[in-house]
Amino acid sequence: MNNVILIGLVSFFADLSTEMVYPLIPLYLTTVFGATPALVGLIEGIAESIASLLKVFSGYITDKYRRKKPVAFAGYAAGLVYKLILLIAGSWQSVLAARVIDRFGKGIRTAPRDVLVSESCEANNLGHSFGIHKALDMAGSAAGILIAFFIMTAWQGEYAYKQLFLLSCIPAILSLFMFIFIRETASRCETGKPLHLINGLKNLDARLKLYLVVVFLFTLGNSSNAFLLLRAGNVGFSAANVVLLYFLYTIVSSVFAIPFGKRSDRIGRKRLLVAGYAVFAVAYAGFAWAPDKTVIIAAFALYGIFTAMTAGVERAFVSEIAPENLKGTLLGLHSTIVGIALLPASIIAGLLWTAFGPVIPFAFGASLSLASALILAFGLTQKPVKI
């Protein structure tokens, strides 16, 4: 469990660094470079999708060579490079390049990091362990967002953006330092040993195949979080208050991640995932038809509940069903599928917003989430959970 906490601290510092700047990226693009919502969606979609394609290959390398720690380190190091490029960015194209590098790093690190978590705990404690990691991850996000808020209220103009980008490098360096204390898990495989990837994928558990299809469908309606921030600004929240709303989302996710992870160990992953998709639909309906700021605040809180119910639980679900020798590959494949769907999701949301206003893209996302919940509820069988 100590390894799980250390890995969680890596994510804590890395996300503290990232979230100091992430809530400002859509505002930075629109106010400094004059980007439209459609362009913001394109930038986020390209960045997320290109990087996510790497996750399955990163997972395959993890399974093949059992070298998780060095691959994860390289991925987190890319986050530091991202901040340095933002410091010198002079156009939206430069911001796009920075975002791609950041997501490139996430694509490399996600699968080996998740395998490290899954191999650092007992099988009956899987949901709890992923919940601990997610709680620390989101706590780092919350801390970064709060720092961004206080700096934004003290500084004004483009100069404040550059100052934030520079300060965000400090926790990024701390996240890399934590790798000194993390131990590698399991044993290395011989480099020449065949992995039998094709046969392994063909013979996957039918539940896992169905879930991966549902993940793709759901993600088509779950566009970049940048649109949540734009929606808050559209309703009338100031830039600083938009950052506070994102803080609310992350702190709610952090507080509830461990309880929901432990709950999934007791009642099974399916029930949490179905309920999580239903909560997402309610949250997106709030973003779509919010009559006032109060509903937007509630929607951000609900979105945090959704993340706590699903983010760690879905990784635990994939980890426990995937064949042992393909665990990294399938954790990476899960993330890759999400990334592939994010490009059309963000582009669709941006185009719908530009053409019809903010209601339609959020209503579209809520509808796909409800459809995904129904498919999981009635199509996914669940074996008894052994405690």
Protein backbone atom coordinates (compact mmCIF):
# COMPACT_ATOMS: atom_id res chain seq x y z
CA MET A 1 0.00 0.00 0.00
CA ASN A 2 2.98 2.33 0.54
CA ASN A 3 3.74 2.07 -3.17
CA VAL A 4 0.15 3.09 -3.97
CA ILE A 5 0.49 6.19 -1.79
CA LEU A 6 3.83 7.12 -3.38
CA ILE A 7 2.36 6.74 -6.87
CA GLY A 8 -0.55 8.84 -5.69
CA LEU A 9 1.88 11.54 -4.53
CA VAL A 10 3.49 11.57 -7.99
CA SER A 11 0.05 12.22 -9.45
CA PHE A 12 -0.67 14.76 -6.70
CA PHE A 13 2.28 16.97 -7.63
CA ALA A 14 1.89 16.41 -11.37
CA ASP A 15 -1.79 17.34 -11.29
CA LEU A 16 -1.10 20.29 -8.99
CA SER A 17 1.23 21.57 -11.70
CA THR A 18 -1.16 20.81 -14.56
CA GLU A 19 -4.28 22.24 -12.96
CA MET A 20 -2.54 25.47 -12.10
CA VAL A 21 -2.70 26.17 -15.84
CA TYR A 22 -5.37 23.89 -17.37
CA PRO A 23 -8.46 25.90 -16.31
CA LEU A 24 -6.83 28.95 -17.89
CA ILE A 25 -6.05 27.37 -21.28
CA PRO A 26 -9.51 27.98 -22.86
CA LEU A 27 -9.52 31.50 -21.38
CA TYR A 28 -5.94 32.06 -22.57
CA LEU A 29 -6.84 30.90 -26.08
CA THR A 30 -10.00 32.99 -26.35
CA THR A 31 -8.82 36.21 -24.67
CA VAL A 32 -5.18 36.39 -25.78
CA PHE A 33 -5.29 34.66 -29.19
CA GLY A 34 -8.96 35.23 -30.13
CA ALA A 35 -9.81 31.53 -30.51
CA THR A 36 -13.47 30.50 -31.02
CA PRO A 37 -15.18 27.66 -29.09
CA ALA A 38 -14.86 25.49 -32.21
CA LEU A 39 -11.09 26.11 -32.30
CA VAL A 40 -10.80 25.34 -28.57
CA GLY A 41 -12.62 22.06 -29.20
CA LEU A 42 -10.32 21.24 -32.12
CA ILE A 43 -7.18 21.95 -30.08
CA GLU A 44 -8.36 19.89 -27.11
CA GLY A 45 -9.60 17.06 -29.33
CA ILE A 46 -6.35 16.82 -31.30
CA ALA A 47 -4.21 16.98 -28.16
CA GLU A 48 -6.18 14.31 -26.32
CA SER A 49 -6.62 11.95 -29.26
CA ILE A 50 -3.09 11.98 -30.65
CA ALA A 51 -1.65 11.29 -27.22
CA SER A 52 -4.23 8.65 -26.34
CA LEU A 53 -3.21 6.57 -29.35
CA LEU A 54 0.08 5.98 -27.52
CA LYS A 55 -1.55 4.51 -24.43
CA VAL A 56 -2.15 1.06 -25.88
CA PHE A 57 1.45 0.87 -27.15
CA SER A 58 2.75 2.04 -23.79
CA GLY A 59 0.67 -0.68 -22.15
CA TYR A 60 2.00 -3.29 -24.58
CA ILE A 61 5.61 -2.30 -23.81
CA THR A 62 4.78 -2.51 -20.11
CA ASP A 63 3.46 -6.07 -20.53
CA LYS A 64 6.30 -7.12 -22.82
CA TYR A 65 9.25 -5.92 -20.72
CA ARG A 66 7.65 -5.37 -17.29
CA ARG A 67 9.48 -2.03 -17.06
CA LYS A 68 6.81 0.24 -15.63
CA LYS A 69 8.69 2.79 -13.55
CA PRO A 70 11.02 4.22 -16.28
CA VAL A 71 8.17 4.51 -18.81
CA ALA A 72 5.94 6.27 -16.29
CA PHE A 73 8.80 8.64 -15.37
CA ALA A 74 9.29 9.64 -19.01
CA GLY A 75 5.59 10.38 -19.31
CA TYR A 76 5.54 12.62 -16.26
CA ALA A 77 8.69 14.43 -17.48
CA ALA A 78 6.77 15.49 -20.61
CA GLY A 79 4.47 17.48 -18.31
CA LEU A 80 7.40 19.69 -17.34
CA VAL A 81 8.29 20.26 -21.00
CA TYR A 82 4.65 21.30 -21.60
CA LYS A 83 4.88 24.13 -19.06
CA LEU A 84 8.17 25.36 -20.50
CA ILE A 85 6.67 25.60 -24.00
CA LEU A 86 3.67 27.53 -22.67
CA LEU A 87 6.13 30.09 -21.32
CA ILE A 88 7.31 30.95 -24.84
CA ALA A 89 4.07 30.34 -26.76
CA GLY A 90 3.20 33.19 -29.13
CA SER A 91 0.18 31.75 -30.97
CA TRP A 92 -2.60 29.21 -30.63
CA GLN A 93 -0.49 26.83 -32.73
CA SER A 94 2.19 26.94 -30.02
CA VAL A 95 -0.42 26.20 -27.37
CA LEU A 96 -1.60 23.25 -29.48
CA ALA A 97 1.97 21.92 -29.67
CA ALA A 98 2.32 22.28 -25.89
CA ARG A 99 -0.97 20.47 -25.26
CA VAL A 100 0.05 17.62 -27.58
CA ILE A 101 3.34 17.17 -25.71
CA ASP A 102 1.50 17.17 -22.38
CA ARG A 103 -1.00 14.59 -23.57
CA PHE A 104 1.83 12.64 -25.22
CA GLY A 105 3.30 12.29 -21.76
CA LYS A 106 -0.03 11.23 -20.30
CA GLY A 107 -0.33 8.66 -23.07
CA ILE A 108 3.02 7.17 -22.10
CA ARG A 109 2.56 7.15 -18.32
CA THR A 110 -1.06 6.08 -17.77
CA ALA A 111 -0.85 2.33 -18.44
CA PRO A 112 2.41 1.61 -16.54
CA ARG A 113 1.23 3.76 -13.63
CA ASP A 114 -2.09 1.90 -13.42
CA VAL A 115 -0.31 -1.47 -13.57
CA LEU A 116 1.97 -0.32 -10.74
CA VAL A 117 -1.13 0.50 -8.67
CA SER A 118 -2.86 -2.80 -9.45
CA GLU A 119 0.25 -4.84 -8.61
CA SER A 120 0.87 -2.99 -5.35
CA CYS A 121 -2.28 -4.22 -3.58
CA GLU A 122 -4.35 -7.30 -2.84
CA ALA A 123 -7.02 -8.35 -5.35
CA ASN A 124 -9.87 -7.70 -2.91
CA ASN A 125 -8.53 -4.19 -2.27
CA LEU A 126 -8.30 -3.10 -5.90
CA GLY A 127 -11.10 -0.53 -5.88
CA HIS A 128 -9.84 0.96 -2.62
CA SER A 129 -6.29 1.29 -4.00
CA PHE A 130 -7.40 2.97 -7.21
CA GLY A 131 -9.63 5.17 -5.06
CA ILE A 132 -6.62 6.26 -2.98
CA HIS A 133 -4.68 7.08 -6.14
CA LYS A 134 -7.59 9.01 -7.61
CA ALA A 135 -8.17 10.90 -4.34
CA LEU A 136 -4.53 12.08 -4.26
CA ASP A 137 -4.66 12.83 -7.98
CA MET A 138 -7.74 15.03 -7.60
CA ALA A 139 -6.43 16.60 -4.37
CA GLY A 140 -3.42 17.77 -6.37
CA SER A 141 -5.77 19.15 -9.00
CA ALA A 142 -7.75 21.00 -6.34
CA ALA A 143 -4.60 22.50 -4.82
CA GLY A 144 -3.38 23.64 -8.23
CA ILE A 145 -6.68 25.25 -9.07
CA LEU A 146 -6.82 27.06 -5.73
CA ILE A 147 -3.32 28.44 -6.30
CA ALA A 148 -4.37 29.61 -9.77
CA PHE A 149 -7.40 31.37 -8.28
CA PHE A 150 -5.41 33.31 -5.70
CA ILE A 151 -2.79 34.34 -8.25
CA MET A 152 -5.47 35.40 -10.75
CA THR A 153 -7.09 37.63 -8.16
CA ALA A 154 -3.74 39.26 -7.39
CA TRP A 155 -2.41 39.65 -10.95
CA GLN A 156 -4.03 40.96 -14.10
CA GLY A 157 -3.46 40.55 -17.83
CA GLU A 158 -1.29 38.28 -19.98
CA TYR A 159 1.65 38.69 -17.61
CA ALA A 160 -0.26 36.71 -14.99
CA TYR A 161 -0.56 33.76 -17.36
CA LYS A 162 3.21 33.64 -17.87
CA GLN A 163 3.85 33.86 -14.14
CA LEU A 164 1.51 30.94 -13.51
CA PHE A 165 3.18 28.84 -16.20
CA LEU A 166 6.55 29.43 -14.55
CA LEU A 167 5.34 28.62 -11.03
CA SER A 168 3.69 25.42 -12.27
CA CYS A 169 7.13 24.01 -13.08
CA ILE A 170 7.96 23.63 -9.36
CA PRO A 171 5.43 20.87 -8.49
CA ALA A 172 6.19 19.19 -11.85
CA ILE A 173 9.79 18.79 -10.69
CA LEU A 174 8.61 17.48 -7.29
CA SER A 175 6.52 14.79 -9.01
CA LEU A 176 9.62 13.51 -10.78
CA PHE A 177 11.57 13.51 -7.50
CA MET A 178 9.01 11.11 -5.94
CA PHE A 179 10.05 8.36 -8.37
CA ILE A 180 13.18 7.83 -6.29
CA PHE A 181 11.05 6.13 -3.62
CA ILE A 182 8.73 4.02 -5.83
CA ARG A 183 9.64 0.36 -6.20
CA GLU A 184 9.17 -1.61 -9.40
CA THR A 185 6.54 -4.36 -9.15
CA ALA A 186 6.52 -7.94 -10.46
CA SER A 187 9.42 -9.42 -12.40
CA ARG A 188 10.77 -8.56 -15.81
CA CYS A 189 9.86 -10.70 -18.80
CA GLU A 190 12.53 -11.90 -21.18
CA THR A 191 12.71 -9.51 -24.11
CA GLY A 192 12.33 -12.32 -26.61
CA LYS A 193 9.32 -13.94 -24.96
CA PRO A 194 6.23 -13.82 -27.21
CA LEU A 195 3.22 -12.05 -25.75
CA HIS A 196 0.54 -13.65 -27.98
CA LEU A 197 -1.24 -10.30 -28.22
CA ILE A 198 -3.68 -11.16 -31.02
CA ASN A 199 -4.90 -14.38 -29.43
CA GLY A 200 -5.20 -12.65 -26.08
CA LEU A 201 -7.36 -9.88 -27.50
CA LYS A 202 -9.55 -12.36 -29.40
CA ASN A 203 -10.26 -14.33 -26.25
CA LEU A 204 -11.13 -11.40 -24.01
CA ASP A 205 -13.94 -11.70 -21.49
CA ALA A 206 -17.19 -10.72 -23.25
CA ARG A 207 -17.97 -8.29 -20.44
CA LEU A 208 -14.77 -6.40 -21.11
CA LYS A 209 -15.47 -6.24 -24.85
CA LEU A 210 -18.95 -4.82 -24.22
CA TYR A 211 -17.61 -2.32 -21.71
CA LEU A 212 -14.99 -1.00 -24.15
CA VAL A 213 -17.75 -0.44 -26.74
CA VAL A 214 -19.84 1.42 -24.16
CA VAL A 215 -16.83 3.54 -23.19
CA PHE A 216 -16.50 4.68 -26.80
CA LEU A 217 -20.20 5.54 -27.04
CA PHE A 218 -20.18 7.43 -23.76
CA THR A 219 -17.05 9.41 -24.60
CA LEU A 220 -18.59 10.69 -27.84
CA GLY A 221 -20.80 12.81 -25.60
CA ASN A 222 -18.15 13.58 -22.96
CA SER A 223 -16.21 16.36 -24.66
CA SER A 224 -13.27 18.24 -23.17
CA ASN A 225 -13.76 19.81 -19.74
CA ALA A 226 -12.83 23.08 -21.43
CA PHE A 227 -16.48 23.35 -22.49
CA LEU A 228 -17.62 23.23 -18.86
CA LEU A 229 -15.38 26.21 -18.16
CA LEU A 230 -16.63 28.06 -21.22
CA ARG A 231 -20.22 27.36 -20.19
CA ALA A 232 -19.58 28.85 -16.74
CA GLY A 233 -18.17 31.97 -18.38
CA ASN A 234 -21.14 32.04 -20.75
CA VAL A 235 -23.56 32.10 -17.81
CA GLY A 236 -21.75 35.08 -16.29
CA PHE A 237 -19.03 33.79 -13.94
CA SER A 238 -15.80 35.80 -13.93
CA ALA A 239 -12.54 34.14 -14.95
CA ALA A 240 -11.47 33.81 -11.31
CA ASN A 241 -14.82 32.31 -10.31
CA VAL A 242 -14.64 29.85 -13.21
CA VAL A 243 -11.41 28.60 -11.64
CA LEU A 244 -13.21 28.24 -8.30
CA LEU A 245 -15.93 26.16 -9.94
CA TYR A 246 -13.29 23.83 -11.33
CA PHE A 247 -11.83 23.66 -7.82
CA LEU A 248 -15.25 22.58 -6.53
CA TYR A 249 -15.33 19.77 -9.10
CA THR A 250 -11.88 18.48 -8.18
CA ILE A 251 -12.32 18.66 -4.41
CA VAL A 252 -15.63 16.78 -4.60
CA SER A 253 -13.94 14.11 -6.74
CA SER A 254 -11.06 13.81 -4.27
CA VAL A 255 -13.30 13.51 -1.19
CA PHE A 256 -15.54 10.80 -2.65
CA ALA A 257 -13.01 8.76 -4.68
CA ILE A 258 -11.94 6.48 -1.80
CA PRO A 259 -15.47 5.78 -0.46
CA PHE A 260 -16.74 4.91 -3.95
CA GLY A 261 -13.66 2.78 -4.65
CA LYS A 262 -14.21 0.81 -1.45
CA ARG A 263 -17.91 0.55 -2.27
CA SER A 264 -17.09 -1.04 -5.63
CA ASP A 265 -15.01 -3.69 -3.82
CA ARG A 266 -18.15 -4.65 -1.90
CA ILE A 267 -20.98 -4.42 -4.43
CA GLY A 268 -19.14 -4.77 -7.73
CA ARG A 269 -18.00 -2.31 -10.39
CA LYS A 270 -21.09 -2.46 -12.62
CA ARG A 271 -23.47 -0.76 -10.21
CA LEU A 272 -21.08 2.13 -9.60
CA LEU A 273 -20.47 2.62 -13.33
CA VAL A 274 -24.18 2.60 -14.21
CA ALA A 275 -24.97 5.04 -11.41
CA GLY A 276 -22.01 7.20 -12.43
CA TYR A 277 -23.25 7.52 -16.02
CA ALA A 278 -26.70 8.47 -14.72
CA VAL A 279 -25.16 11.19 -12.52
CA PHE A 280 -23.21 12.47 -15.53
CA ALA A 281 -26.46 12.78 -17.51
CA VAL A 282 -28.03 14.86 -14.73
CA ALA A 283 -24.93 17.07 -14.49
CA TYR A 284 -24.84 17.69 -18.25
CA ALA A 285 -28.57 18.45 -18.25
CA GLY A 286 -27.78 21.08 -15.62
CA PHE A 287 -25.09 22.60 -17.85
CA ALA A 288 -27.50 22.56 -20.80
CA TRP A 289 -30.59 24.15 -19.23
CA ALA A 290 -29.19 26.06 -16.25
CA PRO A 291 -31.59 28.94 -15.47
CA ASP A 292 -29.07 30.61 -13.14
CA LYS A 293 -25.61 30.34 -11.61
CA THR A 294 -26.80 28.13 -8.74
CA VAL A 295 -27.57 25.26 -11.13
CA ILE A 296 -24.13 25.60 -12.73
CA ILE A 297 -22.53 25.29 -9.28
CA ALA A 298 -24.58 22.17 -8.58
CA ALA A 299 -23.67 20.74 -11.99
CA PHE A 300 -19.94 21.09 -11.25
CA ALA A 301 -20.44 19.30 -7.92
CA LEU A 302 -22.37 16.49 -9.63
CA TYR A 303 -19.66 16.22 -12.25
CA GLY A 304 -17.21 15.67 -9.39
CA ILE A 305 -19.43 12.90 -8.01
CA PHE A 306 -19.48 11.26 -11.45
CA THR A 307 -15.68 11.33 -11.65
CA ALA A 308 -15.33 9.82 -8.17
CA MET A 309 -17.80 7.05 -9.07
CA THR A 310 -16.13 6.06 -12.33
CA ALA A 311 -12.49 7.14 -12.77
CA GLY A 312 -10.90 4.68 -10.34
CA VAL A 313 -13.65 2.06 -10.61
CA GLU A 314 -13.29 1.64 -14.37
CA ARG A 315 -9.54 1.02 -14.01
CA ALA A 316 -10.20 -1.52 -11.28
CA PHE A 317 -12.80 -3.20 -13.51
CA VAL A 318 -10.40 -3.51 -16.45
CA SER A 319 -7.55 -4.65 -14.17
CA GLU A 320 -9.49 -7.49 -12.56
CA ILE A 321 -10.98 -8.85 -15.81
CA ALA A 322 -7.97 -8.45 -18.12
CA PRO A 323 -5.61 -11.44 -18.55
CA GLU A 324 -2.62 -11.03 -16.25
CA ASN A 325 -0.12 -10.90 -19.11
CA LEU A 326 -2.16 -8.24 -20.97
CA LYS A 327 -3.16 -6.01 -18.07
CA GLY A 328 -1.06 -3.05 -19.21
CA THR A 329 -2.14 -3.43 -22.83
CA LEU A 330 -5.84 -3.42 -21.94
CA LEU A 331 -5.55 -0.55 -19.49
CA GLY A 332 -3.82 1.32 -22.31
CA LEU A 333 -6.45 0.19 -24.82
CA HIS A 334 -9.19 1.54 -22.56
CA SER A 335 -7.48 4.94 -22.46
CA THR A 336 -6.82 4.83 -26.21
CA ILE A 337 -10.49 4.22 -26.96
CA VAL A 338 -11.37 7.20 -24.80
CA GLY A 339 -8.83 9.32 -26.64
CA ILE A 340 -10.01 8.25 -30.09
CA ALA A 341 -13.57 9.22 -29.18
CA LEU A 342 -12.49 12.53 -27.64
CA LEU A 343 -11.48 14.06 -30.98
CA PRO A 344 -14.91 13.76 -32.63
CA ALA A 345 -16.56 14.47 -29.24
CA SER A 346 -14.77 17.79 -28.82
CA ILE A 347 -15.17 18.78 -32.46
CA ILE A 348 -18.89 17.92 -32.40
CA ALA A 349 -19.39 19.88 -29.18
CA GLY A 350 -17.55 22.89 -30.56
CA LEU A 351 -19.50 22.86 -33.83
CA LEU A 352 -22.85 22.38 -32.07
CA TRP A 353 -22.05 25.24 -29.68
CA THR A 354 -21.00 27.55 -32.51
CA ALA A 355 -24.09 26.72 -34.60
CA PHE A 356 -26.83 26.37 -31.97
CA GLY A 357 -25.49 27.68 -28.67
CA PRO A 358 -24.45 25.84 -25.49
CA VAL A 359 -27.66 23.86 -24.81
CA ILE A 360 -27.40 21.33 -27.67
CA PRO A 361 -23.87 19.96 -27.04
CA PHE A 362 -24.62 19.29 -23.36
CA ALA A 363 -28.01 17.75 -24.17
CA PHE A 364 -26.26 15.51 -26.69
CA GLY A 365 -23.77 14.37 -24.04
CA ALA A 366 -26.51 13.69 -21.51
CA SER A 367 -28.39 11.54 -24.04
CA LEU A 368 -25.37 9.38 -24.87
CA SER A 369 -24.62 8.95 -21.17
CA LEU A 370 -28.13 7.68 -20.48
CA ALA A 371 -27.84 5.27 -23.41
CA SER A 372 -24.53 3.99 -22.04
CA ALA A 373 -26.02 3.49 -18.57
CA LEU A 374 -28.89 1.45 -20.01
CA ILE A 375 -26.58 -0.76 -22.07
CA LEU A 376 -24.42 -1.49 -19.02
CA ALA A 377 -27.44 -2.06 -16.77
CA PHE A 378 -29.12 -4.60 -19.04
CA GLY A 379 -26.27 -5.95 -21.16
CA LEU A 380 -23.36 -6.40 -18.75
CA THR A 381 -23.46 -9.48 -16.54
CA GLN A 382 -21.74 -9.25 -13.19
CA LYS A 383 -20.20 -12.18 -11.40
CA PRO A 384 -20.39 -12.26 -7.61
CA VAL A 385 -17.64 -10.28 -5.92
CA LYS A 386 -15.52 -12.41 -3.57
CA ILE A 387 -14.33 -10.60 -0.50
